[in-house]
């Protein structure tokens, strides 16, 4: 269940790129990565215009430098965040600590939800500033396609990041249901020793019923020893 709940492969297993690429959350990360490139690339390349009467460039979004700055900043940071979590997806199967895996999945939920919110704010901000832009500021309609592309892909990014948050939450639920998060230590070795505890408990608890029967069970366990003594007697 570890591979299905937390990523490709089992803890300590070899990295399998084919399995990783098929993971839905990996696909969404790559799509979000491409969308972020489109947003900040469009604004950087064509989001600033030159005015014949002014020496400095101005932002295509209602001449508001904060709008262009927000789009570029969010796009670049989302680009880096996607790379970070893609690297985490690659390294995830090598994480042997249950607590570290839980922290990684929880961080994925929080970060993805946070970026979905930032893209929602960015979409509303850029769309509003584009709507109130004055035609006289850009009579030749320069950079309009790039400006609209940045708005559109900001909108698309809301759903890709929200989808990552949903998938991460599902991975967390699967991990919790499989009791992987309830273990404080690396239990594969301890699980092999667990069956011995139930055998000790019946022998130490002759209270329920049939005390003679419970005493006979330890006697059976020691039957091999008298046989050993008989062999010595011979």
C-alpha atoms as a PDB file:
ATOM      1  CA  UNK A   1       0.000   0.000   0.000  1.00  0.00           C
ATOM      2  CA  UNK A   2       2.972   2.325   0.418  1.00  0.00           C
ATOM      3  CA  UNK A   3       3.492   2.683  -3.299  1.00  0.00           C
ATOM      4  CA  UNK A   4      -0.171   3.369  -3.981  1.00  0.00           C
ATOM      5  CA  UNK A   5      -0.564   5.761  -1.080  1.00  0.00           C
ATOM      6  CA  UNK A   6       2.598   7.754  -1.209  1.00  0.00           C
ATOM      7  CA  UNK A   7       4.188   7.486  -4.585  1.00  0.00           C
ATOM      8  CA  UNK A   8       5.964   5.235  -7.017  1.00  0.00           C
ATOM      9  CA  UNK A   9       7.651   2.274  -5.488  1.00  0.00           C
ATOM     10  CA  UNK A  10       8.173   1.221  -1.909  1.00  0.00           C
ATOM     11  CA  UNK A  11      10.327   2.831   0.735  1.00  0.00           C
ATOM     12  CA  UNK A  12      13.959   2.212  -0.057  1.00  0.00           C
ATOM     13  CA  UNK A  13      13.066   0.827  -3.489  1.00  0.00           C
ATOM     14  CA  UNK A  14      14.716   1.696  -6.759  1.00  0.00           C
ATOM     15  CA  UNK A  15      13.521   4.755  -8.635  1.00  0.00           C
ATOM     16  CA  UNK A  16      11.149   3.868 -11.472  1.00  0.00           C
ATOM     17  CA  UNK A  17      10.711   6.822 -13.861  1.00  0.00           C
ATOM     18  CA  UNK A  18       7.969   5.103 -15.867  1.00  0.00           C
ATOM     19  CA  UNK A  19       5.842   4.583 -12.766  1.00  0.00           C
ATOM     20  CA  UNK A  20       6.508   8.137 -11.600  1.00  0.00           C
ATOM     21  CA  UNK A  21       5.445   9.682 -14.904  1.00  0.00           C
ATOM     22  CA  UNK A  22       2.151   7.762 -14.779  1.00  0.00           C
ATOM     23  CA  UNK A  23       1.227   9.193 -11.377  1.00  0.00           C
ATOM     24  CA  UNK A  24      -1.680  11.709 -11.663  1.00  0.00           C
ATOM     25  CA  UNK A  25      -0.080  14.165  -9.236  1.00  0.00           C
ATOM     26  CA  UNK A  26       3.140  14.120 -11.272  1.00  0.00           C
ATOM     27  CA  UNK A  27       1.217  14.886 -14.450  1.00  0.00           C
ATOM     28  CA  UNK A  28      -0.532  17.814 -12.761  1.00  0.00           C
ATOM     29  CA  UNK A  29       2.789  19.148 -11.491  1.00  0.00           C
ATOM     30  CA  UNK A  30       4.242  19.140 -14.993  1.00  0.00           C
ATOM     31  CA  UNK A  31       1.126  20.849 -16.370  1.00  0.00           C
ATOM     32  CA  UNK A  32       1.283  23.470 -13.597  1.00  0.00           C
ATOM     33  CA  UNK A  33       4.967  23.967 -14.351  1.00  0.00           C
ATOM     34  CA  UNK A  34       4.195  24.675 -18.025  1.00  0.00           C
ATOM     35  CA  UNK A  35       1.344  27.032 -17.105  1.00  0.00           C
ATOM     36  CA  UNK A  36       3.624  29.034 -14.815  1.00  0.00           C
ATOM     37  CA  UNK A  37       6.133  29.438 -17.645  1.00  0.00           C
ATOM     38  CA  UNK A  38       3.398  30.751 -19.936  1.00  0.00           C
ATOM     39  CA  UNK A  39       2.217  33.284 -17.343  1.00  0.00           C
ATOM     40  CA  UNK A  40       5.488  34.885 -16.349  1.00  0.00           C
ATOM     41  CA  UNK A  41       6.985  34.455 -19.835  1.00  0.00           C
ATOM     42  CA  UNK A  42       4.087  36.299 -21.453  1.00  0.00           C
ATOM     43  CA  UNK A  43       4.314  39.201 -19.025  1.00  0.00           C
ATOM     44  CA  UNK A  44       8.094  39.485 -19.159  1.00  0.00           C
ATOM     45  CA  UNK A  45       8.253  39.379 -22.949  1.00  0.00           C
ATOM     46  CA  UNK A  46       5.206  41.454 -23.945  1.00  0.00           C
ATOM     47  CA  UNK A  47       3.642  42.740 -20.740  1.00  0.00           C
ATOM     48  CA  UNK A  48       5.645  45.975 -20.705  1.00  0.00           C
ATOM     49  CA  UNK A  49       5.121  48.548 -23.455  1.00  0.00           C
ATOM     50  CA  UNK A  50       7.026  51.581 -24.618  1.00  0.00           C
ATOM     51  CA  UNK A  51       5.348  54.954 -24.934  1.00  0.00           C
ATOM     52  CA  UNK A  52       6.588  57.575 -27.418  1.00  0.00           C
ATOM     53  CA  UNK A  53       5.999  60.301 -24.855  1.00  0.00           C
ATOM     54  CA  UNK A  54       7.642  58.454 -21.951  1.00  0.00           C
ATOM     55  CA  UNK A  55      11.119  57.113 -21.470  1.00  0.00           C
ATOM     56  CA  UNK A  56      10.100  54.285 -19.154  1.00  0.00           C
ATOM     57  CA  UNK A  57       8.072  51.209 -20.009  1.00  0.00           C
ATOM     58  CA  UNK A  58       4.638  50.747 -18.524  1.00  0.00           C
ATOM     59  CA  UNK A  59       2.598  47.654 -17.692  1.00  0.00           C
ATOM     60  CA  UNK A  60      -0.032  46.589 -20.215  1.00  0.00           C
ATOM     61  CA  UNK A  61      -2.453  45.956 -17.350  1.00  0.00           C
ATOM     62  CA  UNK A  62      -3.859  49.456 -16.803  1.00  0.00           C
ATOM     63  CA  UNK A  63      -0.341  50.860 -16.500  1.00  0.00           C
ATOM     64  CA  UNK A  64      -0.198  49.201 -13.093  1.00  0.00           C
ATOM     65  CA  UNK A  65       3.307  47.892 -12.367  1.00  0.00           C
ATOM     66  CA  UNK A  66       1.988  45.941  -9.387  1.00  0.00           C
ATOM     67  CA  UNK A  67      -0.180  43.813 -11.674  1.00  0.00           C
ATOM     68  CA  UNK A  68       2.739  42.822 -13.878  1.00  0.00           C
ATOM     69  CA  UNK A  69       4.933  42.355 -10.836  1.00  0.00           C
ATOM     70  CA  UNK A  70       2.416  40.057  -9.187  1.00  0.00           C
ATOM     71  CA  UNK A  71       2.023  37.921 -12.299  1.00  0.00           C
ATOM     72  CA  UNK A  72       5.763  37.559 -12.775  1.00  0.00           C
ATOM     73  CA  UNK A  73       6.446  36.854  -9.103  1.00  0.00           C
ATOM     74  CA  UNK A  74       3.724  34.248  -8.733  1.00  0.00           C
ATOM     75  CA  UNK A  75       4.679  32.622 -12.015  1.00  0.00           C
ATOM     76  CA  UNK A  76       8.374  32.338 -11.151  1.00  0.00           C
ATOM     77  CA  UNK A  77       7.737  31.076  -7.622  1.00  0.00           C
ATOM     78  CA  UNK A  78       5.186  28.544  -8.892  1.00  0.00           C
ATOM     79  CA  UNK A  79       7.764  27.402 -11.446  1.00  0.00           C
ATOM     80  CA  UNK A  80      10.329  26.799  -8.685  1.00  0.00           C
ATOM     81  CA  UNK A  81       7.751  25.141  -6.428  1.00  0.00           C
ATOM     82  CA  UNK A  82       6.825  22.677  -9.166  1.00  0.00           C
ATOM     83  CA  UNK A  83      10.476  21.761  -9.621  1.00  0.00           C
ATOM     84  CA  UNK A  84      10.875  21.309  -5.862  1.00  0.00           C
ATOM     85  CA  UNK A  85       7.938  18.946  -5.549  1.00  0.00           C
ATOM     86  CA  UNK A  86       8.870  17.065  -8.700  1.00  0.00           C
ATOM     87  CA  UNK A  87      12.221  16.412  -7.039  1.00  0.00           C
ATOM     88  CA  UNK A  88      10.353  15.331  -3.895  1.00  0.00           C
ATOM     89  CA  UNK A  89       8.288  12.893  -5.969  1.00  0.00           C
ATOM     90  CA  UNK A  90      11.504  11.379  -7.280  1.00  0.00           C
ATOM     91  CA  UNK A  91      13.015  11.108  -3.801  1.00  0.00           C
ATOM     92  CA  UNK A  92       9.805  10.049  -2.056  1.00  0.00           C
ATOM     93  CA  UNK A  93      10.168   6.261  -2.535  1.00  0.00           C
ATOM     94  CA  UNK A  94      13.534   6.471  -0.789  1.00  0.00           C
ATOM     95  CA  UNK A  95      12.044   7.978   2.375  1.00  0.00           C
ATOM     96  CA  UNK A  96      11.975   5.194   4.962  1.00  0.00           C
ATOM     97  CA  UNK A  97      10.635   7.208   7.896  1.00  0.00           C
ATOM     98  CA  UNK A  98       6.858   7.126   8.268  1.00  0.00           C
ATOM     99  CA  UNK A  99       6.851  10.528   9.978  1.00  0.00           C
ATOM    100  CA  UNK A 100       8.847  12.093   7.143  1.00  0.00           C
ATOM    101  CA  UNK A 101       6.439  10.659   4.591  1.00  0.00           C
ATOM    102  CA  UNK A 102       3.501  12.058   6.503  1.00  0.00           C
ATOM    103  CA  UNK A 103       5.118  15.496   6.642  1.00  0.00           C
ATOM    104  CA  UNK A 104       5.829  15.401   2.906  1.00  0.00           C
ATOM    105  CA  UNK A 105       2.217  14.563   2.032  1.00  0.00           C
ATOM    106  CA  UNK A 106       0.831  17.164   4.444  1.00  0.00           C
ATOM    107  CA  UNK A 107       3.140  19.822   3.020  1.00  0.00           C
ATOM    108  CA  UNK A 108       1.953  18.884  -0.463  1.00  0.00           C
ATOM    109  CA  UNK A 109      -1.647  19.472   0.615  1.00  0.00           C
ATOM    110  CA  UNK A 110      -0.908  22.842   2.208  1.00  0.00           C
ATOM    111  CA  UNK A 111       1.390  24.179  -0.516  1.00  0.00           C
ATOM    112  CA  UNK A 112      -0.897  23.108  -3.363  1.00  0.00           C
ATOM    113  CA  UNK A 113      -3.947  24.678  -1.709  1.00  0.00           C
ATOM    114  CA  UNK A 114      -1.967  27.866  -1.024  1.00  0.00           C
ATOM    115  CA  UNK A 115      -0.865  28.169  -4.653  1.00  0.00           C
ATOM    116  CA  UNK A 116      -4.395  27.545  -5.875  1.00  0.00           C
ATOM    117  CA  UNK A 117      -5.420  30.542  -3.752  1.00  0.00           C
ATOM    118  CA  UNK A 118      -2.570  32.696  -5.086  1.00  0.00           C
ATOM    119  CA  UNK A 119      -3.505  31.881  -8.668  1.00  0.00           C
ATOM    120  CA  UNK A 120      -7.130  32.737  -7.929  1.00  0.00           C
ATOM    121  CA  UNK A 121      -6.044  36.117  -6.600  1.00  0.00           C
ATOM    122  CA  UNK A 122      -3.742  36.590  -9.577  1.00  0.00           C
ATOM    123  CA  UNK A 123      -6.463  35.761 -12.063  1.00  0.00           C
ATOM    124  CA  UNK A 124      -8.922  38.179 -10.466  1.00  0.00           C
ATOM    125  CA  UNK A 125      -6.280  40.900 -10.197  1.00  0.00           C
ATOM    126  CA  UNK A 126      -4.997  40.645 -13.773  1.00  0.00           C
ATOM    127  CA  UNK A 127      -8.488  40.290 -15.239  1.00  0.00           C
ATOM    128  CA  UNK A 128      -9.708  43.337 -13.374  1.00  0.00           C
ATOM    129  CA  UNK A 129      -6.736  45.488 -14.394  1.00  0.00           C
ATOM    130  CA  UNK A 130      -7.041  44.352 -17.995  1.00  0.00           C
ATOM    131  CA  UNK A 131     -10.730  45.187 -18.036  1.00  0.00           C
ATOM    132  CA  UNK A 132     -10.182  48.734 -16.804  1.00  0.00           C
ATOM    133  CA  UNK A 133      -7.219  49.406 -19.072  1.00  0.00           C
ATOM    134  CA  UNK A 134      -7.655  52.479 -21.264  1.00  0.00           C
ATOM    135  CA  UNK A 135      -7.463  51.982 -25.048  1.00  0.00           C
ATOM    136  CA  UNK A 136      -5.556  55.254 -25.420  1.00  0.00           C
ATOM    137  CA  UNK A 137      -2.667  53.773 -23.414  1.00  0.00           C
ATOM    138  CA  UNK A 138      -2.202  51.083 -26.054  1.00  0.00           C
ATOM    139  CA  UNK A 139      -3.620  52.306 -29.355  1.00  0.00           C
ATOM    140  CA  UNK A 140      -1.783  49.678 -31.378  1.00  0.00           C
ATOM    141  CA  UNK A 141      -3.004  46.822 -29.152  1.00  0.00           C
ATOM    142  CA  UNK A 142       0.515  45.648 -28.508  1.00  0.00           C
ATOM    143  CA  UNK A 143       0.926  42.640 -26.223  1.00  0.00           C
ATOM    144  CA  UNK A 144      -2.803  41.979 -26.009  1.00  0.00           C
ATOM    145  CA  UNK A 145      -2.452  38.287 -26.866  1.00  0.00           C
ATOM    146  CA  UNK A 146       0.234  37.811 -24.243  1.00  0.00           C
ATOM    147  CA  UNK A 147      -1.818  39.670 -21.639  1.00  0.00           C
ATOM    148  CA  UNK A 148      -4.858  37.510 -22.306  1.00  0.00           C
ATOM    149  CA  UNK A 149      -2.740  34.352 -22.284  1.00  0.00           C
ATOM    150  CA  UNK A 150      -1.386  35.233 -18.849  1.00  0.00           C
ATOM    151  CA  UNK A 151      -4.934  35.735 -17.565  1.00  0.00           C
ATOM    152  CA  UNK A 152      -6.185  32.499 -19.117  1.00  0.00           C
ATOM    153  CA  UNK A 153      -3.356  30.331 -17.796  1.00  0.00           C
ATOM    154  CA  UNK A 154      -3.653  31.926 -14.383  1.00  0.00           C
ATOM    155  CA  UNK A 155      -7.228  30.692 -14.405  1.00  0.00           C
ATOM    156  CA  UNK A 156      -6.185  27.202 -15.530  1.00  0.00           C
ATOM    157  CA  UNK A 157      -3.524  27.077 -12.821  1.00  0.00           C
ATOM    158  CA  UNK A 158      -6.198  27.401 -10.136  1.00  0.00           C
ATOM    159  CA  UNK A 159      -7.558  23.988 -11.071  1.00  0.00           C
ATOM    160  CA  UNK A 160      -4.224  22.257 -11.594  1.00  0.00           C
ATOM    161  CA  UNK A 161      -2.985  23.291  -8.158  1.00  0.00           C
ATOM    162  CA  UNK A 162      -6.344  22.528  -6.551  1.00  0.00           C
ATOM    163  CA  UNK A 163      -6.189  19.115  -8.203  1.00  0.00           C
ATOM    164  CA  UNK A 164      -2.764  18.535  -6.675  1.00  0.00           C
ATOM    165  CA  UNK A 165      -4.168  19.391  -3.257  1.00  0.00           C
ATOM    166  CA  UNK A 166      -7.058  16.944  -3.717  1.00  0.00           C
ATOM    167  CA  UNK A 167      -4.760  14.143  -4.862  1.00  0.00           C
ATOM    168  CA  UNK A 168      -2.387  14.781  -1.973  1.00  0.00           C
ATOM    169  CA  UNK A 169      -5.307  14.618   0.459  1.00  0.00           C
ATOM    170  CA  UNK A 170      -6.389  11.320  -1.069  1.00  0.00           C
ATOM    171  CA  UNK A 171      -2.862   9.978  -0.652  1.00  0.00           C
ATOM    172  CA  UNK A 172      -2.967  11.028   2.982  1.00  0.00           C
ATOM    173  CA  UNK A 173      -6.282   9.263   3.523  1.00  0.00           C
ATOM    174  CA  UNK A 174      -5.015   6.078   1.892  1.00  0.00           C
ATOM    175  CA  UNK A 175      -1.927   6.199   4.085  1.00  0.00           C
ATOM    176  CA  UNK A 176      -4.009   6.719   7.220  1.00  0.00           C
ATOM    177  CA  UNK A 177      -6.379   3.871   6.315  1.00  0.00           C
ATOM    178  CA  UNK A 178      -3.470   1.541   5.692  1.00  0.00           C
ATOM    179  CA  UNK A 179      -2.171   2.275   9.232  1.00  0.00           C
ATOM    180  CA  UNK A 180       1.061   3.560   7.759  1.00  0.00           C
ATOM    181  CA  UNK A 181       0.761   6.855   9.617  1.00  0.00           C
ATOM    182  CA  UNK A 182      -0.122   5.188  12.925  1.00  0.00           C
ATOM    183  CA  UNK A 183       3.278   3.551  13.283  1.00  0.00           C
ATOM    184  CA  UNK A 184       5.986   5.486  15.057  1.00  0.00           C
ATOM    185  CA  UNK A 185       8.839   3.248  14.057  1.00  0.00           C
ATOM    186  CA  UNK A 186       9.890   1.172  11.106  1.00  0.00           C
ATOM    187  CA  UNK A 187       7.544  -1.705  11.766  1.00  0.00           C
ATOM    188  CA  UNK A 188       8.385  -4.254   9.077  1.00  0.00           C
ATOM    189  CA  UNK A 189      10.949  -5.844  11.413  1.00  0.00           C
ATOM    190  CA  UNK A 190       8.722  -5.449  14.442  1.00  0.00           C
ATOM    191  CA  UNK A 191       5.730  -6.954  12.716  1.00  0.00           C
ATOM    192  CA  UNK A 192       7.564 -10.255  12.459  1.00  0.00           C
ATOM    193  CA  UNK A 193       7.957 -10.314  16.232  1.00  0.00           C
ATOM    194  CA  UNK A 194       4.382  -9.301  16.953  1.00  0.00           C
ATOM    195  CA  UNK A 195       2.863 -12.830  16.647  1.00  0.00           C
ATOM    196  CA  UNK A 196       4.883 -13.940  19.672  1.00  0.00           C
ATOM    197  CA  UNK A 197       3.055 -11.575  22.022  1.00  0.00           C
ATOM    198  CA  UNK A 198      -0.361 -13.223  21.649  1.00  0.00           C
ATOM    199  CA  UNK A 199       1.146 -16.624  22.482  1.00  0.00           C
ATOM    200  CA  UNK A 200       2.570 -15.245  25.717  1.00  0.00           C
ATOM    201  CA  UNK A 201      -0.625 -13.576  26.818  1.00  0.00           C
ATOM    202  CA  UNK A 202      -2.824 -16.750  26.969  1.00  0.00           C
ATOM    203  CA  UNK A 203      -0.218 -18.500  29.103  1.00  0.00           C
ATOM    204  CA  UNK A 204      -0.090 -15.634  31.568  1.00  0.00           C
ATOM    205  CA  UNK A 205      -3.874 -15.303  31.797  1.00  0.00           C
ATOM    206  CA  UNK A 206      -5.432 -18.462  33.285  1.00  0.00           C
ATOM    207  CA  UNK A 207      -8.390 -16.415  34.520  1.00  0.00           C
ATOM    208  CA  UNK A 208     -11.016 -16.850  31.780  1.00  0.00           C
ATOM    209  CA  UNK A 209     -12.065 -20.503  32.103  1.00  0.00           C
ATOM    210  CA  UNK A 210     -10.615 -23.956  32.207  1.00  0.00           C
ATOM    211  CA  UNK A 211      -7.648 -23.273  34.423  1.00  0.00           C
ATOM    212  CA  UNK A 212      -6.555 -26.805  34.058  1.00  0.00           C
ATOM    213  CA  UNK A 213      -6.659 -26.402  30.297  1.00  0.00           C
ATOM    214  CA  UNK A 214      -4.537 -23.318  30.432  1.00  0.00           C
ATOM    215  CA  UNK A 215      -2.029 -25.113  32.601  1.00  0.00           C
ATOM    216  CA  UNK A 216      -1.969 -27.972  30.172  1.00  0.00           C
ATOM    217  CA  UNK A 217      -0.853 -25.665  27.381  1.00  0.00           C
ATOM    218  CA  UNK A 218       2.405 -24.729  29.112  1.00  0.00           C
ATOM    219  CA  UNK A 219       2.832 -28.378  29.919  1.00  0.00           C
ATOM    220  CA  UNK A 220       2.609 -29.192  26.230  1.00  0.00           C
ATOM    221  CA  UNK A 221       5.259 -26.636  25.489  1.00  0.00           C
ATOM    222  CA  UNK A 222       7.573 -28.389  27.925  1.00  0.00           C
ATOM    223  CA  UNK A 223       6.804 -31.875  26.632  1.00  0.00           C
ATOM    224  CA  UNK A 224       9.855 -31.689  24.454  1.00  0.00           C
ATOM    225  CA  UNK A 225      12.109 -31.198  27.463  1.00  0.00           C
ATOM    226  CA  UNK A 226      11.047 -34.355  29.363  1.00  0.00           C
ATOM    227  CA  UNK A 227      11.585 -36.257  26.167  1.00  0.00           C
ATOM    228  CA  UNK A 228      15.040 -34.844  26.103  1.00  0.00           C
ATOM    229  CA  UNK A 229      15.631 -36.026  29.675  1.00  0.00           C
ATOM    230  CA  UNK A 230      14.399 -39.508  28.795  1.00  0.00           C
ATOM    231  CA  UNK A 231      16.887 -39.664  25.987  1.00  0.00           C
ATOM    232  CA  UNK A 232      19.565 -38.748  28.523  1.00  0.00           C
ATOM    233  CA  UNK A 233      18.282 -41.431  30.839  1.00  0.00           C
ATOM    234  CA  UNK A 234      18.748 -43.975  28.145  1.00  0.00           C
END
